[in-house]
Amino acid sequence: MTHAIESISPEHLSALKAGLQRTWAAGDYSRIGTTLQIVGERLAESMDLSAGMRVLDVAAGNGNASLAAARRWCEVTATDIVPALLGQLSARAAAEGLDIACREADAERLPFADGAMDATLSTFGAMFAPDQPRALAELIRVTRPGGQIGLANWTPDGFVGRFFALLAQYNPPPPGLPMPTRWGVEAFIDRQFASVCADVRIVRRDFVFRYRSPRHWLAVFSQCCGMTQRTLAGLTPELRHSLQQDILRLIRDCNRASDGTMVVASDYLEVVVRR
């Protein structure tokens, strides 16, 4: 696997990770995360998860994939770099009477033995790790031979990918740091997994954002999504207004609703890999 960020020093990488942790801790991502639950359920079905399987959810957020696996009576461990999100995950699990072990951990340094898991999952999570090849290598390492790796990754050409590109125009990432939506490119996934895994299945799916209006979506993401909140906060009032208008234009271009509400489908890759 080629290294994506060779030009970034270990010290700079450490600073990037600290910033990433602060970003995802900002706002209240659970209000957004819970709306994505169907993605975790679809992935669990595509992987045919069954009772007793040892399942790891990497960069689990507030737990959509973890909950889907636990509902199928798997033995689930969830990891994330943001303790508050793991706390929200635990509360959701407790509300359903589900047993999910939570552990703070970096996706690039998972604290588990080689081959410890029957299945390793990540829905819109591990794709944000700064060192993409290392995170992918860790997913492979902790999954036993014959086990499965399941991912849901936003594509660069879908609604969310285009939204991320807009944020990057106003707040460019550090030089050498790849966009997370590279995980949503089939050729990239094939290159990372094909030489070390027995089977790679990729299906393009979509998640549909349903909100009261485009401005409602913008308000929720401005308040609850750390990436959006921190980007807007770092801009001058003029640039902030410009970005907000660009986001609303993007929604208008993608919106299939005609009654003033927002109904926007966003492409993602569902990836199921046999180790």
Protein backbone atom coordinates (compact mmCIF):
# COMPACT_ATOMS: atom_id res chain seq x y z
CA MET A 1 0.00 0.00 0.00
CA THR A 2 1.34 3.42 -0.90
CA HIS A 3 1.53 6.00 1.84
CA ALA A 4 -0.81 8.96 1.24
CA ILE A 5 0.74 11.55 3.54
CA GLU A 6 4.52 11.05 3.41
CA SER A 7 5.03 14.83 3.26
CA ILE A 8 3.44 15.38 6.68
CA SER A 9 5.69 14.99 9.73
CA PRO A 10 4.65 12.85 12.71
CA GLU A 11 4.27 16.01 14.78
CA HIS A 12 2.02 17.61 12.18
CA LEU A 13 0.02 14.39 11.87
CA SER A 14 -0.47 14.35 15.64
CA ALA A 15 -1.76 17.92 15.48
CA LEU A 16 -4.12 16.99 12.65
CA LYS A 17 -5.56 14.17 14.73
CA ALA A 18 -6.06 16.44 17.72
CA GLY A 19 -7.88 18.89 15.48
CA LEU A 20 -9.99 16.09 14.04
CA GLN A 21 -10.98 15.02 17.53
CA ARG A 22 -12.00 18.57 18.44
CA THR A 23 -13.97 18.89 15.21
CA TRP A 24 -16.04 15.75 15.77
CA ALA A 25 -16.59 16.67 19.41
CA ALA A 26 -18.04 20.05 18.40
CA GLY A 27 -21.78 20.47 18.00
CA ASP A 28 -24.11 17.54 18.58
CA TYR A 29 -23.39 15.02 15.85
CA SER A 30 -25.86 12.51 17.32
CA ARG A 31 -28.75 14.55 15.88
CA ILE A 32 -27.35 13.83 12.44
CA GLY A 33 -25.94 10.38 13.11
CA THR A 34 -29.21 8.85 14.20
CA THR A 35 -30.81 9.76 10.87
CA LEU A 36 -28.25 7.51 9.10
CA GLN A 37 -29.31 4.33 10.93
CA ILE A 38 -30.58 2.62 7.78
CA VAL A 39 -27.01 2.56 6.40
CA GLY A 40 -25.83 0.40 9.31
CA GLU A 41 -28.79 -1.94 8.95
CA ARG A 42 -28.19 -2.37 5.21
CA LEU A 43 -24.52 -3.10 5.80
CA ALA A 44 -25.29 -5.67 8.49
CA GLU A 45 -27.62 -7.47 6.08
CA SER A 46 -25.14 -7.30 3.19
CA MET A 47 -22.53 -8.90 5.46
CA ASP A 48 -25.05 -11.46 6.74
CA LEU A 49 -24.02 -10.81 10.35
CA SER A 50 -25.24 -13.50 12.71
CA ALA A 51 -25.41 -14.26 16.44
CA GLY A 52 -22.15 -14.76 18.28
CA MET A 53 -19.89 -13.09 15.75
CA ARG A 54 -17.13 -10.87 17.18
CA VAL A 55 -17.79 -7.48 15.55
CA LEU A 56 -15.73 -4.30 15.76
CA ASP A 57 -17.20 -0.93 14.73
CA VAL A 58 -14.35 1.51 13.96
CA ALA A 59 -14.93 5.26 14.24
CA ALA A 60 -18.38 4.26 15.39
CA GLY A 61 -19.73 7.72 16.18
CA ASN A 62 -22.99 7.34 18.05
CA GLY A 63 -23.33 3.75 16.96
CA ASN A 64 -25.46 3.00 13.92
CA ALA A 65 -23.42 0.01 12.74
CA SER A 66 -22.80 -1.12 16.34
CA LEU A 67 -26.52 -1.14 17.09
CA ALA A 68 -27.30 -2.99 13.85
CA ALA A 69 -24.79 -5.72 14.76
CA ALA A 70 -25.97 -5.93 18.38
CA ARG A 71 -29.58 -6.33 17.23
CA ARG A 72 -28.36 -9.46 15.46
CA TRP A 73 -26.88 -10.75 18.75
CA CYS A 74 -23.28 -10.23 17.75
CA GLU A 75 -20.58 -9.57 20.37
CA VAL A 76 -19.93 -5.92 19.55
CA THR A 77 -17.08 -3.56 20.42
CA ALA A 78 -17.30 0.08 19.31
CA THR A 79 -14.34 2.46 19.08
CA ASP A 80 -14.07 6.19 18.42
CA ILE A 81 -11.70 9.07 19.22
CA VAL A 82 -14.49 11.16 20.75
CA PRO A 83 -15.59 10.00 24.23
CA ALA A 84 -18.84 11.99 24.07
CA LEU A 85 -19.96 10.07 20.98
CA LEU A 86 -19.22 6.77 22.70
CA GLY A 87 -21.30 7.99 25.63
CA GLN A 88 -24.20 8.65 23.29
CA LEU A 89 -23.72 5.20 21.76
CA SER A 90 -23.84 3.60 25.21
CA ALA A 91 -27.06 5.47 26.02
CA ARG A 92 -28.69 4.27 22.79
CA ALA A 93 -27.61 0.70 23.51
CA ALA A 94 -28.92 0.87 27.08
CA ALA A 95 -32.27 2.19 25.84
CA GLU A 96 -32.64 -0.95 23.72
CA GLY A 97 -31.19 -3.33 26.30
CA LEU A 98 -28.21 -4.12 24.07
CA ASP A 99 -24.70 -4.98 25.26
CA ILE A 100 -22.00 -3.03 23.37
CA ALA A 101 -18.47 -2.55 24.72
CA CYS A 102 -17.13 0.95 24.04
CA ARG A 103 -13.47 1.88 23.86
CA GLU A 104 -11.73 5.11 22.92
CA ALA A 105 -9.28 4.30 20.14
CA ASP A 106 -7.60 5.72 17.05
CA ALA A 107 -8.62 4.02 13.78
CA GLU A 108 -4.95 4.02 12.79
CA ARG A 109 -3.85 2.19 15.97
CA LEU A 110 -6.56 -0.24 16.98
CA PRO A 111 -5.83 -1.87 20.36
CA PHE A 112 -6.74 -5.40 19.29
CA ALA A 113 -4.74 -8.48 18.37
CA ASP A 114 -4.25 -9.64 14.80
CA GLY A 115 -7.33 -11.52 13.59
CA ALA A 116 -9.30 -10.77 16.76
CA MET A 117 -12.57 -9.99 14.93
CA ASP A 118 -14.93 -11.97 12.74
CA ALA A 119 -16.19 -8.74 11.18
CA THR A 120 -14.91 -5.16 11.22
CA LEU A 121 -17.24 -2.31 10.21
CA SER A 122 -17.11 1.42 9.66
CA THR A 123 -19.93 3.59 8.35
CA PHE A 124 -18.78 7.08 7.33
CA GLY A 125 -16.11 6.85 10.02
CA ALA A 126 -12.68 5.39 9.21
CA MET A 127 -12.72 7.32 5.93
CA PHE A 128 -11.88 10.47 7.93
CA ALA A 129 -8.62 9.07 9.33
CA PRO A 130 -5.74 11.29 8.13
CA ASP A 131 -3.43 8.35 7.32
CA GLN A 132 -5.77 6.44 5.02
CA PRO A 133 -3.50 3.47 4.13
CA ARG A 134 -2.68 2.88 7.79
CA ALA A 135 -6.36 2.92 8.78
CA LEU A 136 -7.17 0.47 5.98
CA ALA A 137 -4.27 -1.76 7.03
CA GLU A 138 -5.61 -1.79 10.60
CA LEU A 139 -9.08 -2.87 9.42
CA ILE A 140 -7.44 -5.78 7.64
CA ARG A 141 -5.07 -6.66 10.48
CA VAL A 142 -7.71 -7.04 13.20
CA THR A 143 -10.03 -9.12 10.99
CA ARG A 144 -9.41 -12.87 11.00
CA PRO A 145 -8.67 -14.73 7.75
CA GLY A 146 -12.05 -15.62 6.27
CA GLY A 147 -13.72 -12.78 8.17
CA GLN A 148 -15.30 -9.70 6.64
CA ILE A 149 -14.71 -5.96 6.49
CA GLY A 150 -17.74 -3.77 5.80
CA LEU A 151 -17.62 -0.08 4.93
CA ALA A 152 -19.97 2.72 3.93
CA ASN A 153 -18.07 5.61 2.33
CA TRP A 154 -19.41 8.82 0.80
CA THR A 155 -18.48 9.23 -2.87
CA PRO A 156 -16.79 12.41 -4.13
CA ASP A 157 -19.44 13.01 -6.81
CA GLY A 158 -22.51 12.56 -4.58
CA PHE A 159 -24.26 15.27 -2.58
CA VAL A 160 -22.17 14.84 0.58
CA GLY A 161 -18.95 14.61 -1.43
CA ARG A 162 -19.79 17.84 -3.23
CA PHE A 163 -20.66 19.43 0.13
CA PHE A 164 -17.25 18.40 1.53
CA ALA A 165 -15.60 19.88 -1.56
CA LEU A 166 -17.39 23.17 -0.91
CA LEU A 167 -16.13 23.25 2.69
CA ALA A 168 -12.61 22.52 1.41
CA GLN A 169 -12.80 25.47 -1.00
CA TYR A 170 -13.40 27.82 1.90
CA ASN A 171 -11.16 25.98 4.39
CA PRO A 172 -8.50 24.07 2.42
CA PRO A 173 -7.04 20.95 4.07
CA PRO A 174 -3.30 20.85 4.83
CA PRO A 175 -1.10 20.10 1.81
CA GLY A 176 -0.70 16.36 1.25
CA LEU A 177 -3.78 15.41 3.26
CA PRO A 178 -6.18 13.45 1.04
CA MET A 179 -9.91 14.06 0.98
CA PRO A 180 -11.91 11.45 2.94
CA THR A 181 -14.13 10.86 -0.10
CA ARG A 182 -11.24 9.04 -1.77
CA TRP A 183 -12.62 6.04 0.14
CA GLY A 184 -15.71 6.44 -2.03
CA VAL A 185 -13.78 5.76 -5.25
CA GLU A 186 -14.01 2.15 -6.46
CA ALA A 187 -10.50 2.13 -7.94
CA PHE A 188 -9.01 3.27 -4.61
CA ILE A 189 -10.83 0.55 -2.69
CA ASP A 190 -9.76 -2.08 -5.21
CA ARG A 191 -6.12 -1.01 -4.94
CA GLN A 192 -6.15 -1.20 -1.15
CA PHE A 193 -7.89 -4.55 -0.75
CA ALA A 194 -7.55 -6.62 -3.93
CA SER A 195 -3.99 -7.84 -3.34
CA VAL A 196 -4.52 -8.89 0.28
CA CYS A 197 -8.16 -10.04 0.43
CA ALA A 198 -10.01 -12.91 -1.17
CA ASP A 199 -13.07 -11.02 -2.40
CA VAL A 200 -14.12 -7.38 -2.70
CA ARG A 201 -17.77 -6.50 -3.39
CA ILE A 202 -18.71 -2.88 -4.02
CA VAL A 203 -22.27 -1.62 -4.44
CA ARG A 204 -23.20 2.00 -5.04
CA ARG A 205 -26.13 2.94 -2.81
CA ASP A 206 -27.72 6.17 -1.71
CA PHE A 207 -28.91 7.67 1.52
CA VAL A 208 -31.78 10.15 1.28
CA PHE A 209 -31.63 13.30 3.42
CA ARG A 210 -35.18 14.33 4.33
CA TYR A 211 -35.52 17.70 6.05
CA ARG A 212 -38.21 20.36 6.44
CA SER A 213 -36.44 22.63 3.95
CA PRO A 214 -32.96 23.31 2.56
CA ARG A 215 -32.49 25.98 5.22
CA HIS A 216 -33.50 23.49 7.90
CA TRP A 217 -30.75 21.11 6.71
CA LEU A 218 -28.24 23.96 6.71
CA ALA A 219 -29.27 25.02 10.22
CA VAL A 220 -28.96 21.47 11.60
CA PHE A 221 -25.56 20.90 10.00
CA SER A 222 -24.32 24.34 11.03
CA GLN A 223 -25.22 23.62 14.65
CA CYS A 224 -24.53 19.88 14.92
CA CYS A 225 -21.85 18.89 12.39
CA GLY A 226 -18.43 19.87 13.70
CA MET A 227 -16.92 20.17 10.21
CA THR A 228 -19.59 22.64 9.13
CA GLN A 229 -19.66 24.51 12.41
CA ARG A 230 -15.90 25.04 12.60
CA THR A 231 -15.58 26.00 8.92
CA LEU A 232 -18.30 28.64 9.21
CA ALA A 233 -16.89 29.96 12.47
CA GLY A 234 -13.48 30.49 10.89
CA LEU A 235 -14.75 32.69 8.05
CA THR A 236 -15.40 36.41 7.79
CA PRO A 237 -19.11 37.36 7.72
CA GLU A 238 -18.90 37.90 3.96
CA LEU A 239 -17.31 34.52 3.27
CA ARG A 240 -19.67 32.83 5.72
CA HIS A 241 -22.66 34.18 3.81
CA SER A 242 -21.06 33.14 0.51
CA LEU A 243 -20.53 29.55 1.72
CA GLN A 244 -24.08 29.35 3.04
CA GLN A 245 -25.43 30.49 -0.32
CA ASP A 246 -23.23 27.97 -2.15
CA ILE A 247 -24.55 25.18 0.10
CA LEU A 248 -28.15 26.21 -0.54
CA ARG A 249 -27.48 26.25 -4.30
CA LEU A 250 -26.02 22.75 -4.07
CA ILE A 251 -29.12 21.53 -2.23
CA ARG A 252 -31.37 23.20 -4.79
CA ASP A 253 -29.49 21.46 -7.61
CA CYS A 254 -29.94 18.05 -5.95
CA ASN A 255 -33.37 18.45 -4.37
CA ARG A 256 -36.14 16.30 -5.85
CA ALA A 257 -38.87 17.73 -3.61
CA SER A 258 -41.29 20.25 -5.08
CA ASP A 259 -43.18 21.22 -1.91
CA GLY A 260 -40.51 23.30 -0.18
CA THR A 261 -39.06 20.38 1.78
CA MET A 262 -35.67 18.78 1.15
CA VAL A 263 -35.36 15.29 -0.32
CA VAL A 264 -31.79 14.77 -1.51
CA ALA A 265 -30.18 11.42 -2.31
CA SER A 266 -26.45 11.13 -1.66
CA ASP A 267 -24.36 8.33 -3.17
CA TYR A 268 -22.11 6.15 -1.05
CA LEU A 269 -20.14 2.97 -1.65
CA GLU A 270 -21.11 -0.07 0.37
CA VAL A 271 -18.00 -2.23 0.50
CA VAL A 272 -17.93 -5.83 1.76
CA VAL A 273 -14.51 -7.48 1.76
CA ARG A 274 -13.75 -11.14 2.50
CA ARG A 275 -10.39 -11.34 4.30
